[in-house]
Every structure is written in C-alpha cells, then in structure tokens.
C-alpha cells in the first residue's frame, strides 16, 4: 500500500481525520486491508547493524514489526532502543511495554521518548513473572497492569496530561494495542476481559498463537456480540500464529510455556510428516488461510522464532497481501538506505513513522 503523502524515511506521515497516530499500521487497518505484523528477537548486543539486519528479512512482507520487551523475563536490547533504530530508517514498529520492570513514572517518560523518536504503536502488556526468565532474583515492579497502562497512555494522548494531572505540551500520538489469549481456560470471560481493554483505549489486538481455529471462531463471535467489531472505535484483531519446527518442539511448548494451546491433532500431523519443519510451515500457512476468512479478523501476527526466513514464503503462498507491498527502506527508491549494509547504522535520519 502506497500513500500519496508518503514521506521520506525519518519523517512522520500526517495524522488523518479520525486517526490518532501518524503511523502506517493504523492507516492499513482503518482502510480495511488485511494487515501482517511480526516481531524480531532483540539482540544480546549493542550493535545497531544487528537490529537492522534482523528487520531486513521481512522487507516487503509486513506492515509493522514488534520490538519485544524482555520477553519471557529475559534480558535483551530494550524495546525503545530497537524501535528507535528501526523508525529512524523508516520501518513501522510496535513498541511493546511490559509492566514488570518499570513504575508509572518510568513508563510515562518512556512513552514520551518513544513517541519523540517516531514510534506510533504501543502494545500494553502486564508481562511475565521474573521467575520465568534468566534473572529470577530480580525484583518485579508491577506498579500497573495492562489495563491501567492502557488507561494512562490513552489519557496522555487524548487529554495531554500525565497521570498526576500535570499537562503535557506535545502529547504522544500513539495507536494503542493489547494482547488477548482466547485459547486457554478460563475461556468464558476472555471476551469480557478484552472489552475492558477496549474501554481502556485498545484499538488493535494481537492474540497468542492460534492452533485451534474452532476456538478462535467462537471467540470472534463473542466479541462481535459485544459490539467490539463495529463503529468508528471498533477493534482490529490480528491473530497470532507461527511455524512449529517439530512435534517434539510442539510438545515441549505445550507442556512448558504457559498460555499456549496446541491440540493433539497438530502434534500428530507433525509426527506423520517426513519433513516436520516443512510441515510446520505448511501448518502455519493453512491456519493463515483459514483465519483470513473468519469474520472480524483484521490481520495476522506471525511469530517465527528462529524461523524468520519462513515468514516471506508463508505470506507469498497464502496471498494475504493481495498484491500490495508494505513499505520498507528502498521500496520506492533503490538509492535509499539499505538496512543490510554494514554501515547502515552510520548516517541515520532523526525520526520516522511507525
């Protein structure tokens, strides 16, 4: 999708009437196009070129890239740092913010800083407990949860003030999102929980991995009955999915990673395949093709940990982008900065849309 007012990398798009951010992701979703997002695993490094290299593998296939925030309670480069590097060359990013590691003072400052550097999308998360990660003796904060973080960020944007009531001179123009997991018990209140996040300010949703489309259909029907998929303030649901490398990996994830539901039928399908890694990619492709037909689904969030190269093939084989090519550095002008170049982090512009 190419916008008539597309700026040079490093400068934000105008905020359209009825929109809250200058970002491409909000434009794509509000235009009714099927959006694709993904995420990069932040490096254990201070090398900016490594971030740009990891993003370049998705060029032309995704509308925005999530920068995870200490996922699994493990320490990596910060989400704000990753977003800053990517937005400066023009990528659309989604800033993930977990409540585990900061209090409300730090989070408000980080929201302002990220917006100043060009981040236009904010995914508000409560966060995993520290016992799950590589610093189990760290002191968790949890001053807020995802709901109160959403409310605080919405107030900063819409009322131009901090939670304390002190005014903000230039508010952060950010498209707010939240996570949802309809695939594990207790399923009965998942839709109501999502409705609370929408009331708090969320307008896009990224779900946990979907390996059971029947459960997803029921969930989408429930949130439709609540009126969350209609009107100017409707939410945009991006369904999480990703390729499984093997039946053994699928079993380990199901048994050891809280919140991920993998049916026995999926494991049996992988076990019966001659090449389980290829079958895992085909399974993801099949889920994507089915999900795109479910009423109310606005897009897909593809999480391909250590299989990032499969994302382009999955998207191409499903045709979900319907011929459009999401923006990436060099799409419209081959002389633009190539993030894969060794010196790509050298002369970066100031701020970009996300």
Protein backbone atom coordinates (compact mmCIF):
# COMPACT_ATOMS: atom_id res chain seq x y z
CA UNK A 1 0.00 0.00 0.00
CA UNK A 2 1.46 3.32 -1.08
CA UNK A 3 0.15 6.56 0.40
CA UNK A 4 0.03 9.77 -1.64
CA UNK A 5 1.63 11.67 1.23
CA UNK A 6 4.35 9.07 1.94
CA UNK A 7 7.31 11.00 3.42
CA UNK A 8 10.99 10.34 3.07
CA UNK A 9 12.29 7.94 5.72
CA UNK A 10 12.77 9.69 9.01
CA UNK A 11 9.65 11.88 8.87
CA UNK A 12 6.14 11.10 10.07
CA UNK A 13 3.00 10.84 7.97
CA UNK A 14 0.25 13.36 8.67
CA UNK A 15 -2.46 12.26 11.11
CA UNK A 16 -5.61 11.66 9.05
CA UNK A 17 -9.09 12.74 10.27
CA UNK A 18 -10.46 10.12 12.65
CA UNK A 19 -6.99 8.67 13.25
CA UNK A 20 -4.94 9.01 16.43
CA UNK A 21 -1.44 8.37 15.08
CA UNK A 22 0.72 9.25 12.07
CA UNK A 23 1.54 5.56 11.56
CA UNK A 24 1.09 3.23 8.60
CA UNK A 25 -0.34 0.36 10.63
CA UNK A 26 -3.38 2.37 11.72
CA UNK A 27 -3.90 3.52 8.13
CA UNK A 28 -3.78 -0.03 6.76
CA UNK A 29 -6.19 -1.35 9.39
CA UNK A 30 -8.68 1.50 9.12
CA UNK A 31 -8.61 1.13 5.32
CA UNK A 32 -9.88 -2.42 5.79
CA UNK A 33 -6.82 -4.17 4.36
CA UNK A 34 -5.57 -7.44 5.81
CA UNK A 35 -2.53 -6.45 7.86
CA UNK A 36 0.50 -8.57 8.69
CA UNK A 37 2.78 -7.91 11.64
CA UNK A 38 5.72 -9.84 13.01
CA UNK A 39 8.35 -9.48 15.70
CA UNK A 40 12.08 -9.54 15.96
CA UNK A 41 14.03 -11.08 18.78
CA UNK A 42 16.12 -8.17 20.15
CA UNK A 43 19.83 -8.98 20.14
CA UNK A 44 22.05 -9.54 23.13
CA UNK A 45 24.22 -6.83 21.69
CA UNK A 46 24.69 -3.07 21.44
CA UNK A 47 25.36 -3.31 17.69
CA UNK A 48 22.69 -1.34 15.75
CA UNK A 49 23.54 -3.12 12.49
CA UNK A 50 22.34 -6.39 14.04
CA UNK A 51 18.88 -4.91 14.63
CA UNK A 52 18.66 -3.62 11.07
CA UNK A 53 19.80 -6.98 9.70
CA UNK A 54 17.10 -8.81 11.63
CA UNK A 55 14.42 -6.44 10.35
CA UNK A 56 15.51 -6.58 6.70
CA UNK A 57 14.48 -10.23 6.37
CA UNK A 58 10.84 -9.07 6.49
CA UNK A 59 11.20 -6.35 3.82
CA UNK A 60 8.08 -6.10 1.67
CA UNK A 61 6.04 -8.61 3.66
CA UNK A 62 4.92 -6.99 6.93
CA UNK A 63 3.14 -3.79 7.89
CA UNK A 64 4.82 -3.40 11.28
CA UNK A 65 7.47 -5.07 13.43
CA UNK A 66 7.03 -5.69 17.15
CA UNK A 67 10.00 -4.91 19.35
CA UNK A 68 9.58 -7.26 22.29
CA UNK A 69 10.16 -6.02 25.83
CA UNK A 70 12.11 -8.54 27.89
CA UNK A 71 10.01 -11.40 26.52
CA UNK A 72 9.90 -14.38 28.85
CA UNK A 73 11.54 -12.16 31.50
CA UNK A 74 14.87 -12.50 29.70
CA UNK A 75 17.19 -9.55 29.21
CA UNK A 76 17.89 -8.24 25.68
CA UNK A 77 18.24 -4.85 23.96
CA UNK A 78 15.34 -2.64 25.05
CA UNK A 79 12.15 -2.27 23.06
CA UNK A 80 12.61 1.50 22.91
CA UNK A 81 16.15 1.06 21.58
CA UNK A 82 15.02 -1.33 18.85
CA UNK A 83 12.11 0.93 17.85
CA UNK A 84 14.38 3.96 17.71
CA UNK A 85 16.83 2.23 15.36
CA UNK A 86 14.09 0.92 13.08
CA UNK A 87 11.97 4.07 12.91
CA UNK A 88 14.99 6.19 12.01
CA UNK A 89 15.27 4.33 8.71
CA UNK A 90 11.50 4.29 8.20
CA UNK A 91 10.25 0.92 9.43
CA UNK A 92 6.84 0.81 11.12
CA UNK A 93 7.29 -0.52 14.64
CA UNK A 94 5.14 -1.65 17.55
CA UNK A 95 6.61 -0.74 20.90
CA UNK A 96 5.86 -3.44 23.45
CA UNK A 97 5.75 -2.23 27.03
CA UNK A 98 5.64 -4.62 29.98
CA UNK A 99 4.61 -3.52 33.46
CA UNK A 100 7.04 -5.93 35.12
CA UNK A 101 10.17 -3.79 35.06
CA UNK A 102 9.12 -0.14 35.48
CA UNK A 103 6.88 2.02 37.62
CA UNK A 104 4.43 4.54 36.17
CA UNK A 105 6.97 7.39 36.26
CA UNK A 106 9.43 5.46 34.10
CA UNK A 107 6.73 4.21 31.73
CA UNK A 108 5.30 7.67 31.08
CA UNK A 109 8.77 9.01 30.34
CA UNK A 110 9.46 6.08 28.04
CA UNK A 111 6.20 6.61 26.14
CA UNK A 112 7.12 10.26 25.51
CA UNK A 113 10.65 9.33 24.48
CA UNK A 114 9.50 6.58 22.12
CA UNK A 115 6.93 8.87 20.50
CA UNK A 116 9.57 11.56 20.05
CA UNK A 117 11.75 9.02 18.22
CA UNK A 118 8.91 8.06 15.87
CA UNK A 119 7.18 5.09 17.49
CA UNK A 120 3.47 5.30 16.67
CA UNK A 121 2.12 2.00 18.03
CA UNK A 122 2.13 0.84 21.65
CA UNK A 123 1.25 -2.69 22.79
CA UNK A 124 0.47 -2.68 26.51
CA UNK A 125 1.33 -5.86 28.42
CA UNK A 126 1.33 -6.90 32.05
CA UNK A 127 4.42 -9.08 31.50
CA UNK A 128 5.76 -12.46 32.55
CA UNK A 129 6.91 -13.04 36.11
CA UNK A 130 10.65 -12.75 36.73
CA UNK A 131 10.83 -16.41 37.81
CA UNK A 132 10.32 -17.39 34.16
CA UNK A 133 13.50 -15.72 32.93
CA UNK A 134 17.24 -15.56 33.32
CA UNK A 135 17.18 -13.15 36.28
CA UNK A 136 14.83 -14.94 38.73
CA UNK A 137 16.15 -12.93 41.68
CA UNK A 138 15.28 -9.57 40.06
CA UNK A 139 12.68 -7.51 41.90
CA UNK A 140 9.41 -7.26 39.90
CA UNK A 141 7.61 -3.91 39.85
CA UNK A 142 4.07 -4.37 38.51
CA UNK A 143 3.09 -0.86 39.59
CA UNK A 144 0.43 -1.10 36.86
CA UNK A 145 -1.15 -3.86 34.79
CA UNK A 146 -2.03 -3.82 31.12
CA UNK A 147 -5.43 -2.23 31.76
CA UNK A 148 -4.13 0.65 33.86
CA UNK A 149 -1.22 1.15 31.44
CA UNK A 150 -3.69 1.47 28.56
CA UNK A 151 -5.75 4.00 30.51
CA UNK A 152 -2.66 6.01 31.39
CA UNK A 153 -1.35 6.03 27.79
CA UNK A 154 -4.78 7.00 26.43
CA UNK A 155 -5.02 9.88 28.88
CA UNK A 156 -1.52 11.07 27.93
CA UNK A 157 -2.56 11.08 24.27
CA UNK A 158 -6.15 12.32 24.44
CA UNK A 159 -6.04 14.63 27.46
CA UNK A 160 -2.42 15.79 27.13
CA UNK A 161 -1.55 15.13 30.73
CA UNK A 162 0.42 12.79 32.93
CA UNK A 163 -1.38 10.50 35.36
CA UNK A 164 -0.67 13.12 38.04
CA UNK A 165 -2.69 15.66 36.06
CA UNK A 166 0.34 17.75 35.08
CA UNK A 167 -0.04 18.92 31.46
CA UNK A 168 1.96 17.55 28.53
CA UNK A 169 2.97 20.16 25.95
CA UNK A 170 3.01 17.79 22.96
CA UNK A 171 1.16 14.50 23.53
CA UNK A 172 2.32 11.11 22.23
CA UNK A 173 0.28 10.32 19.09
CA UNK A 174 0.18 6.55 19.51
CA UNK A 175 -2.17 3.81 18.29
CA UNK A 176 -2.82 1.68 21.36
CA UNK A 177 -2.99 -2.10 21.42
CA UNK A 178 -3.31 -5.02 23.80
CA UNK A 179 -2.86 -8.78 23.86
CA UNK A 180 -5.56 -11.44 24.09
CA UNK A 181 -5.45 -15.18 24.66
CA UNK A 182 -8.79 -16.87 23.91
CA UNK A 183 -7.24 -20.32 23.58
CA UNK A 184 -6.74 -21.37 27.21
CA UNK A 185 -9.10 -21.61 30.21
CA UNK A 186 -10.98 -19.89 31.61
CA UNK A 187 -12.38 -19.11 28.16
CA UNK A 188 -15.78 -17.93 29.42
CA UNK A 189 -14.54 -14.47 30.45
CA UNK A 190 -11.92 -13.83 27.74
CA UNK A 191 -14.26 -11.69 25.63
CA UNK A 192 -15.33 -9.63 28.65
CA UNK A 193 -11.70 -9.12 29.61
CA UNK A 194 -10.98 -7.87 26.09
CA UNK A 195 -13.94 -5.49 26.30
CA UNK A 196 -12.32 -3.89 29.37
CA UNK A 197 -9.10 -3.35 27.41
CA UNK A 198 -11.06 -1.75 24.59
CA UNK A 199 -12.80 0.55 27.08
CA UNK A 200 -9.34 1.47 28.40
CA UNK A 201 -8.17 2.53 24.94
CA UNK A 202 -7.00 -0.51 22.95
CA UNK A 203 -7.83 -0.36 19.23
CA UNK A 204 -5.71 -3.21 17.92
CA UNK A 205 -5.32 -6.66 19.44
CA UNK A 206 -2.62 -9.26 18.93
CA UNK A 207 -3.54 -12.73 20.12
CA UNK A 208 -1.47 -15.60 21.44
CA UNK A 209 -0.53 -18.37 18.97
CA UNK A 210 -3.60 -19.88 17.31
CA UNK A 211 -3.50 -23.61 16.61
CA UNK A 212 -7.24 -24.17 17.12
CA UNK A 213 -9.35 -22.15 14.69
CA UNK A 214 -12.62 -23.51 16.12
CA UNK A 215 -11.87 -21.77 19.43
CA UNK A 216 -10.95 -18.60 17.55
CA UNK A 217 -14.27 -18.63 15.65
CA UNK A 218 -16.19 -18.86 18.93
CA UNK A 219 -14.16 -16.01 20.43
CA UNK A 220 -14.68 -13.76 17.39
CA UNK A 221 -18.43 -14.41 17.57
CA UNK A 222 -18.42 -13.47 21.26
CA UNK A 223 -16.62 -10.16 20.76
CA UNK A 224 -18.90 -9.41 17.80
CA UNK A 225 -21.90 -9.91 20.09
CA UNK A 226 -20.34 -7.37 22.47
CA UNK A 227 -20.23 -4.82 19.63
CA UNK A 228 -16.43 -4.62 19.57
CA UNK A 229 -16.11 -5.14 15.80
CA UNK A 230 -18.26 -2.28 14.59
CA UNK A 231 -18.39 1.51 14.65
CA UNK A 232 -15.60 4.10 14.48
CA UNK A 233 -13.99 2.72 17.64
CA UNK A 234 -14.02 -0.91 16.51
CA UNK A 235 -11.03 -3.05 17.35
CA UNK A 236 -8.74 -4.71 14.84
CA UNK A 237 -7.82 -8.28 15.74
CA UNK A 238 -4.51 -9.66 14.47
CA UNK A 239 -4.37 -13.39 15.12
CA UNK A 240 -1.08 -14.80 16.38
CA UNK A 241 0.46 -17.76 14.59
CA UNK A 242 3.81 -19.26 13.68
CA UNK A 243 5.59 -22.31 12.29
CA UNK A 244 6.42 -25.21 14.62
CA UNK A 245 9.79 -26.84 13.85
CA UNK A 246 8.87 -30.34 15.05
CA UNK A 247 6.43 -32.46 17.03
CA UNK A 248 8.96 -32.62 19.85
CA UNK A 249 9.15 -28.81 20.00
CA UNK A 250 5.36 -28.59 19.93
CA UNK A 251 5.08 -30.93 22.90
CA UNK A 252 7.72 -29.01 24.83
CA UNK A 253 5.97 -25.68 24.19
CA UNK A 254 2.60 -27.10 25.21
CA UNK A 255 4.00 -28.57 28.43
CA UNK A 256 6.35 -25.76 29.44
CA UNK A 257 5.10 -22.43 28.08
CA UNK A 258 2.02 -21.15 29.92
CA UNK A 259 -0.80 -19.85 27.75
CA UNK A 260 -0.15 -21.80 24.55
CA UNK A 261 -2.72 -24.39 23.49
CA UNK A 262 -1.60 -26.96 20.91
CA UNK A 263 -4.17 -29.68 20.14
CA UNK A 264 -3.15 -33.33 19.83
CA UNK A 265 -4.18 -33.23 16.15
CA UNK A 266 -1.45 -30.69 15.42
CA UNK A 267 1.24 -32.83 17.05
CA UNK A 268 0.02 -35.94 15.20
CA UNK A 269 0.18 -34.05 11.90
CA UNK A 270 3.79 -33.11 12.56
CA UNK A 271 4.69 -36.62 13.69
CA UNK A 272 3.33 -38.06 10.45
CA UNK A 273 5.38 -35.76 8.23
CA UNK A 274 8.62 -36.81 6.58
CA UNK A 275 9.99 -33.28 6.98
CA UNK A 276 8.49 -31.90 10.18
CA UNK A 277 9.97 -28.41 9.79
CA UNK A 278 8.39 -28.04 6.34
CA UNK A 279 5.12 -29.42 7.67
CA UNK A 280 5.18 -26.84 10.45
CA UNK A 281 5.47 -24.08 7.86
CA UNK A 282 2.60 -25.62 5.85
CA UNK A 283 0.50 -25.80 9.01
CA UNK A 284 1.07 -22.09 9.63
CA UNK A 285 0.12 -21.37 6.02
CA UNK A 286 -3.08 -23.40 6.36
CA UNK A 287 -4.03 -21.63 9.59
CA UNK A 288 -3.41 -18.25 7.99
CA UNK A 289 -5.60 -19.11 5.01
CA UNK A 290 -8.40 -20.23 7.32
CA UNK A 291 -8.07 -17.31 9.71
CA UNK A 292 -8.29 -14.67 6.96
CA UNK A 293 -11.81 -15.91 6.16
CA UNK A 294 -13.12 -15.59 9.73
CA UNK A 295 -15.50 -12.66 10.13
CA UNK A 296 -13.94 -9.77 12.03
CA UNK A 297 -10.28 -10.80 11.71
CA UNK A 298 -8.19 -7.83 10.55
CA UNK A 299 -4.82 -9.45 10.13
CA UNK A 300 -2.16 -11.86 11.32
CA UNK A 301 0.72 -11.54 13.75
CA UNK A 302 3.34 -14.07 12.66
CA UNK A 303 5.85 -15.11 15.32
CA UNK A 304 8.57 -17.26 13.78
CA UNK A 305 11.24 -17.58 16.45
CA UNK A 306 14.48 -18.72 14.78
CA UNK A 307 12.50 -19.38 11.59
CA UNK A 308 12.18 -15.79 10.42
CA UNK A 309 13.09 -16.70 6.83
CA UNK A 310 9.86 -18.71 6.53
CA UNK A 311 7.64 -15.64 7.01
CA UNK A 312 8.08 -14.33 3.46
CA UNK A 313 7.26 -17.73 1.95
CA UNK A 314 4.18 -18.21 4.12
CA UNK A 315 2.85 -14.78 3.14
CA UNK A 316 3.61 -15.30 -0.54
CA UNK A 317 1.96 -18.74 -0.65
CA UNK A 318 -1.23 -17.50 1.03
CA UNK A 319 -1.52 -14.27 -0.96
CA UNK A 320 -2.95 -12.44 2.05
CA UNK A 321 -1.40 -9.13 1.00
CA UNK A 322 -3.36 -9.28 -2.28
CA UNK A 323 -0.51 -7.89 -4.32
CA UNK A 324 0.38 -4.93 -2.14
CA UNK A 325 3.95 -4.44 -0.92
CA UNK A 326 4.29 -2.91 2.57
CA UNK A 327 6.85 -0.11 2.79
CA UNK A 328 10.48 -0.90 3.55
CA UNK A 329 13.71 1.09 3.07
CA UNK A 330 14.42 1.22 -0.64
CA UNK A 331 10.99 0.09 -1.85
CA UNK A 332 10.28 3.29 -3.76
CA UNK A 333 13.86 4.41 -4.32
CA UNK A 334 16.66 1.85 -4.64
CA UNK A 335 19.18 4.52 -3.64
CA UNK A 336 17.68 4.75 -0.16
CA UNK A 337 19.48 3.31 2.84
CA UNK A 338 19.75 -0.48 2.78
CA UNK A 339 19.50 -1.79 6.33
CA UNK A 340 21.54 -4.86 5.39
CA UNK A 341 24.57 -2.76 4.52
CA UNK A 342 27.44 -2.99 7.03
CA UNK A 343 27.46 0.78 7.57
CA UNK A 344 23.66 1.11 7.66
CA UNK A 345 23.72 2.49 11.19
CA UNK A 346 26.02 5.35 10.22
CA UNK A 347 24.05 8.32 8.93
CA UNK A 348 20.51 7.73 10.20
CA UNK A 349 17.74 10.33 9.95
CA UNK A 350 16.09 11.73 13.02
CA UNK A 351 12.62 10.20 13.48
CA UNK A 352 10.20 8.15 11.42
CA UNK A 353 6.61 6.99 11.31
CA UNK A 354 5.63 3.65 12.74
